Amino acid sequence: QVQLVESGGGLVQPGGSLRLSCTPSGFTFDGRYIKWFRHPPGKGPEWVSTIGPDGSRIEYADYVKGRFTASRDNSKNTVFLQMNSLKAEDTAVYYCYVPSMRKRGQGTQVTVSS
């Protein structure tokens, strides 16, 4: 079964950090671009980051630049999103998306609140 599974979300105070992971089953991330999106409550989906196949090309949305870091470990078939200096407005369901597969995961909830 082809699917993506995200993990690492949770409740964190403003200024805190979380690291999200995304792992596929039924296929591999080899040679594929991976995107992170988020879906804040009451809003539409927002693009967060894109990471290229070897991790050398990474792009970020302006609202997370300098705070979030995307990375990947191809040996473990996993991509990561390190989120630092979290703000209340970062509260959302975060999910990974593989354009070449047109597949996204169910997402993991990130809540930033004191």
Protein backbone atom coordinates (compact mmCIF):
# COMPACT_ATOMS: atom_id res chain seq x y z
CA GLN A 1 0.00 0.00 0.00
CA VAL A 2 1.40 3.37 -1.03
CA GLN A 3 1.21 5.88 1.75
CA LEU A 4 3.06 8.57 3.66
CA VAL A 5 3.20 8.78 7.43
CA GLU A 6 4.09 11.92 9.34
CA SER A 7 5.05 12.00 13.01
CA GLY A 8 6.50 14.35 15.58
CA GLY A 9 3.68 16.81 16.08
CA GLY A 10 2.36 17.88 19.44
CA LEU A 11 1.69 20.75 21.82
CA VAL A 12 4.54 23.17 22.40
CA GLN A 13 4.87 26.59 23.99
CA PRO A 14 5.72 29.65 21.91
CA GLY A 15 9.45 29.71 21.26
CA GLY A 16 9.68 25.94 21.47
CA SER A 17 10.79 23.39 18.91
CA LEU A 18 9.51 20.25 17.25
CA ARG A 19 10.92 17.94 14.62
CA LEU A 20 8.55 16.33 12.16
CA SER A 21 9.31 13.21 10.18
CA CYS A 22 7.78 11.82 7.02
CA THR A 23 8.29 8.23 5.90
CA PRO A 24 6.82 6.44 2.90
CA SER A 25 5.61 2.90 2.55
CA GLY A 26 5.19 1.11 -0.73
CA PHE A 27 7.74 3.33 -2.48
CA THR A 28 10.96 5.22 -1.78
CA PHE A 29 11.96 8.86 -1.71
CA ASP A 30 14.93 8.20 -4.02
CA GLY A 31 15.19 10.87 -6.69
CA ARG A 32 12.03 12.63 -5.58
CA TYR A 33 11.23 16.16 -4.51
CA ILE A 34 9.37 16.31 -1.21
CA LYS A 35 7.19 19.19 -0.10
CA TRP A 36 5.90 20.16 3.31
CA PHE A 37 2.54 21.88 3.60
CA ARG A 38 0.46 22.99 6.54
CA HIS A 39 -3.22 23.55 7.00
CA PRO A 40 -3.99 26.12 9.70
CA PRO A 41 -7.42 26.08 11.34
CA GLY A 42 -9.94 28.07 9.35
CA LYS A 43 -7.53 28.68 6.47
CA GLY A 44 -6.46 26.99 3.27
CA PRO A 45 -3.32 24.87 2.86
CA GLU A 46 0.01 26.70 2.88
CA TRP A 47 3.24 25.58 1.28
CA VAL A 48 6.07 25.45 3.81
CA SER A 49 9.15 23.95 2.17
CA THR A 50 10.49 21.92 -0.74
CA ILE A 51 13.57 19.73 -0.60
CA GLY A 52 15.30 18.33 -3.66
CA PRO A 53 16.33 14.70 -4.19
CA ASP A 54 19.80 15.00 -2.67
CA GLY A 55 18.92 17.65 -0.11
CA SER A 56 21.15 20.30 -1.67
CA ARG A 57 18.26 22.39 -2.95
CA ILE A 58 15.83 23.55 -0.29
CA GLU A 59 13.27 26.32 -0.46
CA TYR A 60 11.18 27.87 2.28
CA ALA A 61 8.13 30.06 2.55
CA ASP A 62 8.98 33.52 3.86
CA TYR A 63 6.94 33.00 7.03
CA VAL A 64 9.14 30.07 8.16
CA LYS A 65 12.49 31.10 6.69
CA GLY A 66 15.18 31.22 9.35
CA ARG A 67 13.11 29.19 11.80
CA PHE A 68 12.40 25.93 9.98
CA THR A 69 14.94 23.57 8.46
CA ALA A 70 14.08 20.78 6.05
CA SER A 71 16.42 17.84 5.63
CA ARG A 72 16.41 14.27 4.45
CA ASP A 73 18.20 11.03 5.19
CA ASN A 74 17.97 8.97 2.04
CA SER A 75 19.58 5.99 3.75
CA LYS A 76 16.59 5.93 6.10
CA ASN A 77 14.07 6.97 3.46
CA THR A 78 12.90 9.81 5.70
CA VAL A 79 12.53 13.56 5.44
CA PHE A 80 12.47 15.91 8.39
CA LEU A 81 11.22 19.36 9.23
CA GLN A 82 12.97 20.93 12.21
CA MET A 83 10.81 23.74 13.54
CA ASN A 84 12.34 26.23 15.95
CA SER A 85 11.10 29.48 17.50
CA LEU A 86 7.55 28.33 17.02
CA LYS A 87 4.76 30.88 17.07
CA ALA A 88 1.04 30.60 17.68
CA GLU A 89 0.46 31.20 13.98
CA ASP A 90 2.42 28.04 13.18
CA THR A 91 -0.45 26.01 14.62
CA ALA A 92 -1.65 23.69 11.85
CA VAL A 93 -1.80 20.16 10.55
CA TYR A 94 1.51 19.56 8.80
CA TYR A 95 1.83 17.03 6.02
CA CYS A 96 4.36 15.95 3.45
CA TYR A 97 3.57 15.69 -0.23
CA VAL A 98 5.36 13.88 -3.04
CA PRO A 99 4.56 15.59 -6.38
CA SER A 100 5.83 12.74 -8.53
CA MET A 101 3.44 10.35 -6.74
CA ARG A 102 0.67 12.93 -6.20
CA LYS A 103 0.56 11.54 -2.69
CA ARG A 104 0.24 13.24 0.65
CA GLY A 105 0.13 11.94 4.18
CA GLN A 106 -2.64 12.31 6.73
CA GLY A 107 -0.66 14.91 8.59
CA THR A 108 0.43 15.56 12.15
CA GLN A 109 -1.05 18.23 14.40
CA VAL A 110 1.22 20.99 15.66
CA THR A 111 -0.25 23.27 18.31
CA VAL A 112 1.71 26.23 19.62
CA SER A 113 0.12 27.62 22.75
CA SER A 114 0.99 28.73 26.25
